[in-house]
Amino acid sequence: MVFDDQTKSRIGEPDKSKRICRFCGKGSGKVTFKNDAHSISEALGNKKIITNDECDSCNAQFGAGIEHELVQYLDLYRNFFQVRGKTGVPKLKGKNYEIKHDDKLNISHFLSEEEDNDPDRDSFNLRLESHESIALQSIYKALVKYALGVMPADQLERFRETIDWINGMKSINELPKVAILTSYHLFVEHPKLVLSIRKSEDQTLPYAVAEFRFTFLAFVFIIPFSSKDSLNFNKPEDFNHYWQSFNHYSAQDGWNFKNMSDQVKRPFVMKLKFEVSEQE
């Protein structure tokens, strides 16, 4: 199942009076469904894909929590590629930098006195310190939340533990790694989500895998805790078997496999490296 700029979709129950939130299980009368809940955060450029059965309370909670952390994680790319959210293209301001993208990209990097007096400082390598703190597990949760937002309703019962996890009701210290690829060949102007559900009973493969694309980034991740899975895919042999089975991914070079299990919020730092290009 593919969801992108060609998919103007409203997932879930169209009648507000009949809706039951897929994330908290509450129906109309106990919660409201007044606002559009973007299946992928609007801040990342999604204007078309809406989850009908996500209540206003869950929408606000995720928007201020795990989705906010993912947006901050991707803020630099939002600015570089001028991705328009609800309030336009973000101007970034951190502890030691400001980034604006008007007619051209402008990066202001403010040095401490110690850095300014360091004779060995490499001016082509910038360490940008954000005001934000981010937990890597929140990034994984937000990606999974996107996938659950487009999941067919008849599949959701198999992901009750997953929903408890993204709601903070289930704690886990070790998750499958997330595969990340940077490639301009895969560049998308509108975020894209691809959802794959296992049709066989082969439990050496995960029941659900999703791919999220944003600008030139691709994230491929297992949706954990499905009742249809018997493995957690944390062991290298289990993960490698799954990865090699997805030939359309494993055949591509350049994947980075990132452990996003860390639950501790840490100061978010971005590192930029510049190179001088020779022009003819």
Protein backbone atom coordinates (compact mmCIF):
# COMPACT_ATOMS: atom_id res chain seq x y z
CA MET A 1 0.00 0.00 0.00
CA VAL A 2 1.43 3.34 -1.08
CA PHE A 3 0.51 6.76 0.27
CA ASP A 4 2.02 9.85 -1.38
CA ASP A 5 1.15 13.01 -3.33
CA GLN A 6 -0.93 10.91 -5.74
CA THR A 7 -3.01 9.66 -2.81
CA LYS A 8 -5.62 12.11 -1.63
CA SER A 9 -6.90 9.79 1.07
CA ARG A 10 -9.03 9.94 4.16
CA ILE A 11 -8.35 6.74 6.04
CA GLY A 12 -10.98 5.35 8.38
CA GLU A 13 -14.65 5.96 9.21
CA PRO A 14 -16.10 8.97 7.31
CA ASP A 15 -19.03 9.46 9.72
CA LYS A 16 -17.79 11.38 12.78
CA SER A 17 -20.59 10.02 14.96
CA LYS A 18 -19.38 6.45 14.34
CA ARG A 19 -15.67 7.01 14.77
CA ILE A 20 -13.56 5.16 17.33
CA CYS A 21 -10.02 6.47 17.75
CA ARG A 22 -7.50 3.88 16.63
CA PHE A 23 -4.98 5.12 19.20
CA CYS A 24 -6.99 5.41 22.42
CA GLY A 25 -10.09 3.32 21.63
CA LYS A 26 -12.54 6.06 22.59
CA GLY A 27 -15.54 6.94 20.47
CA SER A 28 -17.56 10.05 19.69
CA GLY A 29 -19.18 11.30 22.87
CA LYS A 30 -16.03 10.68 24.89
CA VAL A 31 -13.62 12.38 22.48
CA THR A 32 -14.00 14.77 19.55
CA PHE A 33 -12.98 14.49 15.90
CA LYS A 34 -13.21 18.15 14.87
CA ASN A 35 -9.73 18.62 13.43
CA ASP A 36 -8.02 16.96 10.49
CA ALA A 37 -5.41 14.50 11.80
CA HIS A 38 -2.64 14.32 9.22
CA SER A 39 -1.41 10.74 8.91
CA ILE A 40 2.08 12.17 8.31
CA SER A 41 2.81 15.43 10.12
CA GLU A 42 1.69 18.47 8.14
CA ALA A 43 5.00 20.10 9.12
CA LEU A 44 6.72 17.58 6.82
CA GLY A 45 4.68 18.74 3.83
CA ASN A 46 1.73 16.32 3.98
CA LYS A 47 -1.42 18.08 2.85
CA LYS A 48 -3.37 15.13 1.47
CA ILE A 49 -3.32 12.06 3.70
CA ILE A 50 -5.70 12.27 6.68
CA THR A 51 -6.60 9.71 9.35
CA ASN A 52 -10.31 10.14 10.12
CA ASP A 53 -10.29 7.97 13.21
CA GLU A 54 -7.60 9.78 15.20
CA CYS A 55 -9.25 11.88 17.89
CA ASP A 56 -8.35 15.48 18.68
CA SER A 57 -6.81 14.50 22.03
CA CYS A 58 -4.46 11.90 20.51
CA ASN A 59 -3.67 14.22 17.63
CA ALA A 60 -2.63 16.96 20.06
CA GLN A 61 -0.67 14.55 22.26
CA PHE A 62 1.31 13.07 19.37
CA GLY A 63 1.80 16.49 17.78
CA ALA A 64 3.39 17.85 20.95
CA GLY A 65 5.28 14.63 21.70
CA ILE A 66 6.79 12.01 19.42
CA GLU A 67 5.79 13.70 16.15
CA HIS A 68 7.32 16.97 17.36
CA GLU A 69 10.60 15.15 18.05
CA LEU A 70 10.62 13.62 14.57
CA VAL A 71 9.92 17.01 12.98
CA GLN A 72 12.83 18.51 14.94
CA TYR A 73 15.02 15.59 13.84
CA LEU A 74 14.22 16.46 10.21
CA ASP A 75 14.16 20.26 10.58
CA LEU A 76 17.43 20.85 8.75
CA TYR A 77 16.12 19.03 5.66
CA ARG A 78 12.81 20.92 5.90
CA ASN A 79 14.78 24.14 5.66
CA PHE A 80 17.31 23.05 3.03
CA PHE A 81 14.64 21.71 0.68
CA GLN A 82 12.07 24.41 1.57
CA VAL A 83 9.38 21.99 2.71
CA ARG A 84 6.28 24.01 3.53
CA GLY A 85 4.39 23.07 6.67
CA LYS A 86 1.36 24.76 8.18
CA THR A 87 3.34 27.97 8.81
CA GLY A 88 5.62 27.79 5.76
CA VAL A 89 9.32 26.93 5.55
CA PRO A 90 10.90 26.94 9.03
CA LYS A 91 13.65 29.35 10.00
CA LEU A 92 15.96 27.52 12.38
CA LYS A 93 17.51 29.02 15.49
CA GLY A 94 19.59 27.05 17.94
CA LYS A 95 22.06 27.74 20.70
CA ASN A 96 24.87 28.61 18.31
CA TYR A 97 23.28 29.02 14.88
CA GLU A 98 20.55 30.54 12.73
CA ILE A 99 19.54 29.15 9.36
CA LYS A 100 17.30 30.95 6.87
CA HIS A 101 16.44 29.99 3.33
CA ASP A 102 15.05 32.96 1.42
CA ASP A 103 16.50 33.49 -2.05
CA LYS A 104 19.53 31.53 -0.94
CA LEU A 105 20.65 29.49 2.05
CA ASN A 106 22.12 31.53 4.90
CA ILE A 107 23.84 29.82 7.84
CA SER A 108 25.06 31.94 10.77
CA HIS A 109 27.32 30.01 13.14
CA PHE A 110 28.21 31.68 16.43
CA LEU A 111 31.53 30.60 17.96
CA SER A 112 32.38 30.50 21.62
CA GLU A 113 35.49 32.40 22.67
CA GLU A 114 37.32 29.08 23.06
CA GLU A 115 36.34 27.94 19.56
CA ASP A 116 37.24 31.32 18.07
CA ASN A 117 40.74 31.14 19.54
CA ASP A 118 41.35 27.53 18.57
CA PRO A 119 44.05 27.50 15.84
CA ASP A 120 43.12 23.91 14.88
CA ARG A 121 39.44 24.63 14.34
CA ASP A 122 38.15 23.32 11.01
CA SER A 123 35.88 26.03 9.60
CA PHE A 124 34.38 23.54 7.12
CA ASN A 125 32.93 21.39 9.90
CA LEU A 126 30.08 22.93 11.87
CA ARG A 127 28.57 21.58 15.07
CA LEU A 128 25.09 23.07 15.41
CA GLU A 129 23.57 22.83 18.88
CA SER A 130 19.77 22.84 19.01
CA HIS A 131 17.61 24.03 21.89
CA GLU A 132 15.78 20.70 21.59
CA SER A 133 16.39 17.35 23.26
CA ILE A 134 15.36 14.21 21.39
CA ALA A 135 15.09 10.52 22.27
CA LEU A 136 15.89 8.23 19.35
CA GLN A 137 13.13 5.83 20.42
CA SER A 138 10.64 8.70 19.98
CA ILE A 139 11.74 8.94 16.34
CA TYR A 140 11.01 5.23 15.87
CA LYS A 141 7.65 5.62 17.63
CA ALA A 142 6.65 8.52 15.40
CA LEU A 143 7.52 6.58 12.24
CA VAL A 144 5.45 3.63 13.49
CA LYS A 145 2.59 5.99 14.40
CA TYR A 146 2.54 7.20 10.78
CA ALA A 147 2.27 3.60 9.59
CA LEU A 148 -0.53 2.81 12.02
CA GLY A 149 -2.33 5.93 10.85
CA VAL A 150 -2.77 4.41 7.38
CA MET A 151 -3.14 0.80 8.50
CA PRO A 152 -6.38 -0.88 7.34
CA ALA A 153 -8.81 -0.88 10.27
CA ASP A 154 -9.22 -4.67 10.17
CA GLN A 155 -5.48 -5.05 10.91
CA LEU A 156 -5.31 -2.81 13.97
CA GLU A 157 -6.31 -5.49 16.47
CA ARG A 158 -2.97 -7.19 15.69
CA PHE A 159 -1.07 -4.09 16.86
CA ARG A 160 -2.57 -3.42 20.30
CA GLU A 161 0.83 -3.79 22.01
CA THR A 162 2.34 -1.50 19.38
CA ILE A 163 -0.27 1.16 20.14
CA ASP A 164 0.42 0.79 23.88
CA TRP A 165 4.11 1.33 23.12
CA ILE A 166 3.68 4.53 21.11
CA ASN A 167 1.34 5.80 23.85
CA GLY A 168 4.06 5.25 26.46
CA MET A 169 2.20 2.40 28.18
CA LYS A 170 4.77 -0.23 27.23
CA SER A 171 8.50 0.10 27.75
CA ILE A 172 11.14 -1.62 25.66
CA ASN A 173 14.93 -1.35 25.77
CA GLU A 174 15.84 -2.99 22.47
CA LEU A 175 14.21 -2.53 19.08
CA PRO A 176 15.07 -3.75 15.56
CA LYS A 177 17.42 -1.41 13.76
CA VAL A 178 16.06 1.18 11.35
CA ALA A 179 17.56 1.18 7.84
CA ILE A 180 18.31 4.69 6.53
CA LEU A 181 19.39 5.63 3.02
CA THR A 182 20.28 9.03 1.57
CA SER A 183 19.80 9.15 -2.18
CA TYR A 184 18.86 11.93 -4.58
CA HIS A 185 17.60 9.22 -6.94
CA LEU A 186 14.77 8.60 -4.45
CA PHE A 187 14.00 12.29 -3.89
CA VAL A 188 10.34 13.08 -3.20
CA GLU A 189 8.71 16.50 -2.91
CA HIS A 190 5.78 15.12 -0.89
CA PRO A 191 6.42 12.60 1.92
CA LYS A 192 5.73 9.01 0.95
CA LEU A 193 4.74 6.00 3.05
CA VAL A 194 4.79 2.40 1.84
CA LEU A 195 3.20 -0.29 4.01
CA SER A 196 3.90 -4.01 3.50
CA ILE A 197 1.89 -6.73 5.29
CA ARG A 198 3.05 -10.36 5.31
CA LYS A 199 0.60 -12.64 3.51
CA SER A 200 2.16 -15.96 4.50
CA GLU A 201 2.53 -17.56 7.92
CA ASP A 202 6.33 -17.47 7.65
CA GLN A 203 7.25 -15.98 11.01
CA THR A 204 10.91 -15.71 10.13
CA LEU A 205 9.74 -12.50 8.44
CA PRO A 206 8.10 -9.57 10.24
CA TYR A 207 4.35 -9.22 9.85
CA ALA A 208 4.52 -5.54 8.92
CA VAL A 209 7.29 -3.38 7.45
CA ALA A 210 7.03 0.25 6.39
CA GLU A 211 9.11 2.66 4.34
CA PHE A 212 8.98 6.40 4.94
CA ARG A 213 10.52 8.78 2.43
CA PHE A 214 11.18 12.44 3.08
CA THR A 215 13.18 14.56 0.62
CA PHE A 216 16.28 12.42 -0.13
CA LEU A 217 15.93 10.24 2.97
CA ALA A 218 14.40 6.77 3.12
CA PHE A 219 13.64 5.02 6.43
CA VAL A 220 12.71 1.32 6.40
CA PHE A 221 11.50 -0.10 9.69
CA ILE A 222 9.72 -3.07 11.21
CA ILE A 223 6.44 -2.32 12.98
CA PRO A 224 7.14 -4.08 16.30
CA PHE A 225 4.98 -6.04 18.75
CA SER A 226 2.48 -7.47 16.28
CA SER A 227 0.54 -10.43 17.65
CA LYS A 228 1.39 -12.18 14.37
CA ASP A 229 5.13 -12.10 15.11
CA SER A 230 7.07 -14.61 17.20
CA LEU A 231 10.48 -12.93 16.72
CA ASN A 232 11.54 -9.43 17.74
CA PHE A 233 14.26 -9.26 15.02
CA ASN A 234 16.87 -7.93 17.42
CA LYS A 235 19.25 -10.85 16.86
CA PRO A 236 21.59 -10.18 13.90
CA GLU A 237 20.73 -13.49 12.19
CA ASP A 238 16.98 -12.79 12.38
CA PHE A 239 17.37 -9.22 11.18
CA ASN A 240 19.74 -10.17 8.35
CA HIS A 241 17.37 -12.87 7.11
CA TYR A 242 14.51 -10.36 7.02
CA TRP A 243 16.64 -7.73 5.27
CA GLN A 244 17.94 -10.08 2.61
CA SER A 245 14.37 -11.23 1.93
CA PHE A 246 13.44 -7.67 0.90
CA ASN A 247 15.46 -7.74 -2.30
CA HIS A 248 14.30 -4.34 -3.54
CA TYR A 249 15.97 -2.80 -0.47
CA SER A 250 18.96 -5.07 0.16
CA ALA A 251 20.08 -4.79 -3.48
CA GLN A 252 20.71 -1.06 -3.02
CA ASP A 253 24.05 0.07 -1.60
CA GLY A 254 24.52 2.75 1.01
CA TRP A 255 22.08 1.72 3.75
CA ASN A 256 22.95 2.73 7.31
CA PHE A 257 21.42 0.58 10.07
CA LYS A 258 20.70 2.74 13.09
CA ASN A 259 19.81 1.59 16.58
CA MET A 260 16.95 3.82 17.74
CA SER A 261 16.29 2.05 21.05
CA ASP A 262 17.59 4.85 23.30
CA GLN A 263 14.73 6.22 25.45
CA VAL A 264 16.74 9.04 27.04
CA LYS A 265 16.24 12.54 25.69
CA ARG A 266 19.60 14.00 24.74
CA PRO A 267 20.58 17.43 23.36
CA PHE A 268 20.10 17.38 19.60
CA VAL A 269 23.26 18.29 17.69
CA MET A 270 23.58 18.54 13.91
CA LYS A 271 26.95 18.20 12.22
CA LEU A 272 27.56 19.78 8.82
CA LYS A 273 30.62 19.22 6.68
CA PHE A 274 31.36 21.50 3.75
CA GLU A 275 33.69 20.98 0.80
CA VAL A 276 35.07 23.47 -1.67
CA SER A 277 34.06 22.63 -5.22
CA GLU A 278 36.14 23.77 -8.13
CA GLN A 279 34.20 25.52 -10.86
CA GLU A 280 35.41 25.62 -14.43
